[in-house]
Amino acid sequence: MNRRKFVAAAIAATPATLLGAHHNEKPTQYLEWIRFEVLNNARRGALETFLKNVVVPGLNKLGCRPIGVFRPKYGAHGSEVFMLVPHDTIESFLTVWDKLAATLAYQESANTEMDTPHYERMESSLMTAFANMPKVEVPEAIKGEKGRIFEIRRYESHNRLIGERKIEMFNEGGEIEIFRDVGLHPIFFGKTISGPLMPNLTYMLGFKDMEQRDRNWKQFSASPAWRKLKTNERYKGTVSAISDNILVPTNFSQI
């Protein structure tokens, strides 16, 4: 069974509640998060050139935008490159890579030799955006800032039902609004429907610099709205593990 048929069958068999597709809600994007492993700085440069000149513009033409491409700053290996690809429909996720691979530009650049690959390996996760933040955003407050940084956080839960409750805390509980109020500029919130360490949710925040990041997280911790929300018994014990990495954008990232 090929990738398209396999994923399509899996999606078709998945309850709508797991995909974030409910009646009377705005359509939510599917968010593809890709991690590339590279051997050294030279290979990372080759990968980023490939992404900049071929992959990002090619995916843009196929309707995927804005695309983020990032390097680690803190909390991840320096030999990694990360890419965020938003898809407006599941059909986009199932087809765009095959369409891109059929282009001459991709074929001329992607077919590397075994000893000079663009990357050693890659892995990806697929998420559905949260109902209260259905699309990727590029906050005006940090747009164009040369020193901007991005924080990617993953919250794991010990079962699916509890994971859904943590998502509820962000949506119905108002945690996303609290983030916005204290200057934790959201880029996306996503529920992982395929990928490692499930069940989990993943989100990204953007800041002008690390100083703003540290200051605004302190404001969040001191927020009366957050202090009230975190005492709600319904949402206690919903997160079993947290990972937190700081990333910097490449010079061609659209986020």
Protein backbone atom coordinates (compact mmCIF):
# COMPACT_ATOMS: atom_id res chain seq x y z
CA MET A 1 0.00 0.00 0.00
CA ASN A 2 1.51 3.37 -0.95
CA ARG A 3 1.83 6.32 1.43
CA ARG A 4 -1.18 8.18 0.07
CA LYS A 5 -3.55 5.23 0.31
CA PHE A 6 -2.24 4.21 3.73
CA VAL A 7 -2.59 7.66 5.31
CA ALA A 8 -5.95 8.26 3.62
CA ALA A 9 -7.25 4.98 5.04
CA ALA A 10 -5.93 5.87 8.50
CA ILE A 11 -7.53 9.32 8.39
CA ALA A 12 -10.83 7.89 7.18
CA ALA A 13 -10.84 5.43 10.07
CA THR A 14 -10.06 8.07 12.68
CA PRO A 15 -13.02 9.59 14.57
CA ALA A 16 -13.70 13.21 13.75
CA THR A 17 -13.11 14.19 17.37
CA LEU A 18 -9.52 12.99 17.09
CA LEU A 19 -8.96 15.10 14.00
CA GLY A 20 -10.37 18.26 15.51
CA ALA A 21 -13.17 18.34 12.91
CA HIS A 22 -16.41 19.28 14.63
CA HIS A 23 -19.56 20.73 13.15
CA ASN A 24 -19.91 24.52 13.25
CA GLU A 25 -16.17 25.06 13.70
CA LYS A 26 -13.88 26.95 11.37
CA PRO A 27 -11.78 24.67 9.14
CA THR A 28 -8.50 23.93 10.85
CA GLN A 29 -5.18 23.44 9.15
CA TYR A 30 -3.13 20.28 9.18
CA LEU A 31 0.35 21.06 10.43
CA GLU A 32 3.35 19.02 9.29
CA TRP A 33 6.40 19.28 11.55
CA ILE A 34 9.59 17.87 10.00
CA ARG A 35 12.91 17.23 11.69
CA PHE A 36 15.97 16.72 9.49
CA GLU A 37 19.14 15.15 10.87
CA VAL A 38 22.32 16.42 9.21
CA LEU A 39 25.91 15.24 9.53
CA ASN A 40 27.75 18.56 9.87
CA ASN A 41 27.54 22.27 9.09
CA ALA A 42 28.49 21.75 5.45
CA ARG A 43 25.63 19.30 4.92
CA ARG A 44 23.28 21.58 6.80
CA GLY A 45 24.22 24.40 4.44
CA ALA A 46 23.48 22.17 1.45
CA LEU A 47 20.12 21.17 2.94
CA GLU A 48 19.15 24.77 3.66
CA THR A 49 20.09 25.82 0.11
CA PHE A 50 17.88 23.02 -1.22
CA LEU A 51 15.01 24.04 1.03
CA LYS A 52 15.42 27.73 0.18
CA ASN A 53 15.69 27.40 -3.60
CA VAL A 54 13.48 24.40 -4.31
CA VAL A 55 11.32 23.10 -1.50
CA VAL A 56 9.86 26.25 0.06
CA PRO A 57 9.00 28.03 -3.22
CA GLY A 58 7.70 24.75 -4.64
CA LEU A 59 5.42 24.15 -1.67
CA ASN A 60 4.28 27.80 -1.79
CA LYS A 61 3.15 27.28 -5.38
CA LEU A 62 1.15 24.28 -4.20
CA GLY A 63 -0.67 26.36 -1.58
CA CYS A 64 1.40 25.73 1.57
CA ARG A 65 2.28 28.97 3.36
CA PRO A 66 3.74 30.41 5.50
CA ILE A 67 6.53 27.86 5.86
CA GLY A 68 8.91 28.06 8.79
CA VAL A 69 12.47 26.72 8.68
CA PHE A 70 14.49 26.78 11.89
CA ARG A 71 17.80 25.86 13.49
CA PRO A 72 18.26 24.90 17.17
CA LYS A 73 19.45 27.52 19.62
CA TYR A 74 18.87 25.76 22.94
CA GLY A 75 17.50 22.35 23.89
CA ALA A 76 18.09 20.44 20.64
CA HIS A 77 21.04 19.09 18.68
CA GLY A 78 22.87 21.57 16.48
CA SER A 79 22.84 18.96 13.71
CA GLU A 80 19.12 19.36 13.11
CA VAL A 81 16.91 21.52 10.89
CA PHE A 82 13.18 21.88 11.52
CA MET A 83 10.42 22.81 9.09
CA LEU A 84 6.76 23.68 9.63
CA VAL A 85 4.46 23.12 6.64
CA PRO A 86 0.79 24.17 6.97
CA HIS A 87 -1.80 22.35 4.85
CA ASP A 88 -5.31 23.71 4.39
CA THR A 89 -6.69 20.22 3.69
CA ILE A 90 -5.68 16.63 4.33
CA GLU A 91 -5.53 16.19 0.55
CA SER A 92 -2.71 18.73 0.48
CA PHE A 93 -0.69 16.71 2.98
CA LEU A 94 -1.31 13.52 0.99
CA THR A 95 -0.34 14.93 -2.40
CA VAL A 96 1.99 17.95 -2.31
CA TRP A 97 5.24 16.04 -1.82
CA ASP A 98 4.52 13.79 -4.80
CA LYS A 99 3.63 16.86 -6.86
CA LEU A 100 6.81 18.62 -5.79
CA ALA A 101 8.92 15.54 -6.54
CA ALA A 102 7.51 15.52 -10.08
CA THR A 103 8.95 18.97 -10.87
CA LEU A 104 12.18 19.35 -12.79
CA ALA A 105 13.68 21.69 -10.16
CA TYR A 106 13.20 19.08 -7.44
CA GLN A 107 14.51 16.22 -9.53
CA GLU A 108 17.65 18.15 -10.46
CA SER A 109 18.43 19.04 -6.84
CA ALA A 110 17.14 16.16 -4.71
CA ASN A 111 18.87 13.14 -6.25
CA THR A 112 22.13 13.38 -4.30
CA GLU A 113 24.95 10.86 -4.02
CA MET A 114 25.01 8.51 -1.03
CA ASP A 115 28.11 10.13 0.45
CA THR A 116 26.78 13.71 0.08
CA PRO A 117 23.12 13.59 1.12
CA HIS A 118 21.15 16.72 1.98
CA TYR A 119 20.28 14.99 5.28
CA GLU A 120 20.95 11.71 7.04
CA ARG A 121 17.35 10.98 8.01
CA MET A 122 14.10 12.84 8.51
CA GLU A 123 10.98 12.30 10.56
CA SER A 124 7.67 14.08 10.61
CA SER A 125 4.59 14.53 12.74
CA LEU A 126 1.12 15.49 11.57
CA MET A 127 -1.07 17.71 13.72
CA THR A 128 -4.46 19.33 13.52
CA ALA A 129 -4.61 22.96 14.58
CA PHE A 130 -6.69 23.83 17.64
CA ALA A 131 -10.22 25.14 17.12
CA ASN A 132 -9.40 28.45 18.84
CA MET A 133 -6.32 28.95 16.65
CA PRO A 134 -7.18 27.21 13.37
CA LYS A 135 -4.32 28.58 11.26
CA VAL A 136 -0.63 29.34 11.59
CA GLU A 137 -0.03 32.98 12.54
CA VAL A 138 2.97 35.27 12.06
CA PRO A 139 2.61 37.81 14.91
CA GLU A 140 2.99 41.43 13.83
CA ALA A 141 4.80 42.15 17.10
CA ILE A 142 7.84 40.12 16.03
CA LYS A 143 7.62 40.15 12.24
CA GLY A 144 10.94 41.17 10.70
CA GLU A 145 12.82 41.21 14.02
CA LYS A 146 16.36 40.02 13.23
CA GLY A 147 16.93 38.57 16.68
CA ARG A 148 13.58 36.80 16.98
CA ILE A 149 13.47 33.36 18.54
CA PHE A 150 10.84 30.64 18.62
CA GLU A 151 9.93 28.28 21.43
CA ILE A 152 8.53 24.88 20.53
CA ARG A 153 6.91 22.99 23.41
CA ARG A 154 5.41 19.51 23.51
CA TYR A 155 3.05 18.37 26.27
CA GLU A 156 2.63 14.61 26.60
CA SER A 157 -0.33 13.06 28.41
CA HIS A 158 -0.71 9.60 29.91
CA ASN A 159 -3.79 8.73 27.83
CA ARG A 160 -5.87 10.15 24.98
CA LEU A 161 -8.81 11.22 27.14
CA ILE A 162 -6.58 13.23 29.45
CA GLY A 163 -4.77 14.69 26.43
CA GLU A 164 -8.11 15.92 25.11
CA ARG A 165 -8.74 17.63 28.45
CA LYS A 166 -5.47 19.57 28.20
CA ILE A 167 -6.47 20.69 24.70
CA GLU A 168 -9.80 21.79 26.17
CA MET A 169 -7.88 23.87 28.72
CA PHE A 170 -6.29 25.83 25.88
CA ASN A 171 -9.51 26.15 23.88
CA GLU A 172 -12.54 26.39 26.17
CA GLY A 173 -10.50 27.15 29.28
CA GLY A 174 -9.04 30.30 27.75
CA GLU A 175 -5.33 29.53 28.07
CA ILE A 176 -4.63 30.68 24.51
CA GLU A 177 -6.17 34.07 25.30
CA ILE A 178 -4.03 34.35 28.43
CA PHE A 179 -0.95 33.66 26.31
CA ARG A 180 -1.89 36.50 23.97
CA ASP A 181 -2.62 38.90 26.82
CA VAL A 182 0.84 38.50 28.40
CA GLY A 183 2.84 38.60 25.16
CA LEU A 184 3.45 34.87 24.57
CA HIS A 185 2.92 35.30 20.82
CA PRO A 186 1.39 32.07 19.46
CA ILE A 187 2.46 30.71 16.07
CA PHE A 188 0.40 27.51 16.24
CA PHE A 189 -1.21 24.99 18.57
CA GLY A 190 -1.49 21.46 17.26
CA LYS A 191 -2.80 18.09 18.37
CA THR A 192 -0.55 15.29 17.13
CA ILE A 193 -2.50 12.67 15.17
CA SER A 194 0.56 10.85 13.82
CA GLY A 195 4.07 10.95 15.21
CA PRO A 196 6.27 10.02 18.17
CA LEU A 197 5.44 10.19 21.88
CA MET A 198 1.67 10.24 21.48
CA PRO A 199 -0.65 11.35 22.89
CA ASN A 200 0.69 14.88 22.86
CA LEU A 201 0.03 18.44 21.82
CA THR A 202 2.67 20.77 20.43
CA TYR A 203 2.74 24.53 20.20
CA MET A 204 5.10 27.29 19.11
CA LEU A 205 5.57 30.81 20.46
CA GLY A 206 7.54 33.69 19.01
CA PHE A 207 9.54 36.45 20.71
CA LYS A 208 11.75 39.38 19.73
CA ASP A 209 14.60 37.85 21.77
CA MET A 210 15.33 35.70 24.81
CA GLU A 211 14.96 38.66 27.15
CA GLN A 212 11.38 39.22 26.02
CA ARG A 213 10.71 35.50 26.27
CA ASP A 214 11.89 35.31 29.88
CA ARG A 215 10.06 38.49 30.88
CA ASN A 216 6.75 37.48 29.33
CA TRP A 217 6.78 33.97 30.80
CA LYS A 218 7.14 35.61 34.22
CA GLN A 219 4.11 37.77 33.39
CA PHE A 220 2.21 34.62 32.48
CA SER A 221 3.09 32.92 35.77
CA ALA A 222 1.90 36.00 37.68
CA SER A 223 -1.30 36.45 35.66
CA PRO A 224 -4.44 36.30 37.83
CA ALA A 225 -6.29 34.58 34.98
CA TRP A 226 -3.65 31.84 34.80
CA ARG A 227 -3.49 31.44 38.58
CA LYS A 228 -7.24 30.87 38.60
CA LEU A 229 -7.23 28.50 35.62
CA LYS A 230 -4.47 26.26 36.94
CA THR A 231 -6.42 25.59 40.16
CA ASN A 232 -9.34 24.14 38.18
CA GLU A 233 -9.55 20.49 39.31
CA ARG A 234 -10.67 19.39 35.83
CA TYR A 235 -7.29 20.23 34.34
CA LYS A 236 -4.99 18.83 37.02
CA GLY A 237 -2.77 15.91 36.07
CA THR A 238 -3.21 16.37 32.32
CA VAL A 239 0.49 16.68 31.41
CA SER A 240 2.94 13.87 32.16
CA ALA A 241 6.04 15.22 30.36
CA ILE A 242 7.17 18.47 28.72
CA SER A 243 9.88 19.12 26.15
CA ASP A 244 10.97 22.67 25.39
CA ASN A 245 13.37 23.82 22.65
CA ILE A 246 14.42 27.28 21.51
CA LEU A 247 14.85 27.74 17.76
CA VAL A 248 16.09 30.51 15.49
CA PRO A 249 14.73 31.08 11.97
CA THR A 250 16.83 30.65 8.86
CA ASN A 251 17.19 33.75 6.67
CA PHE A 252 14.53 32.37 4.30
CA SER A 253 11.97 31.28 6.90
CA GLN A 254 8.53 32.77 6.25
CA ILE A 255 7.74 32.76 9.98
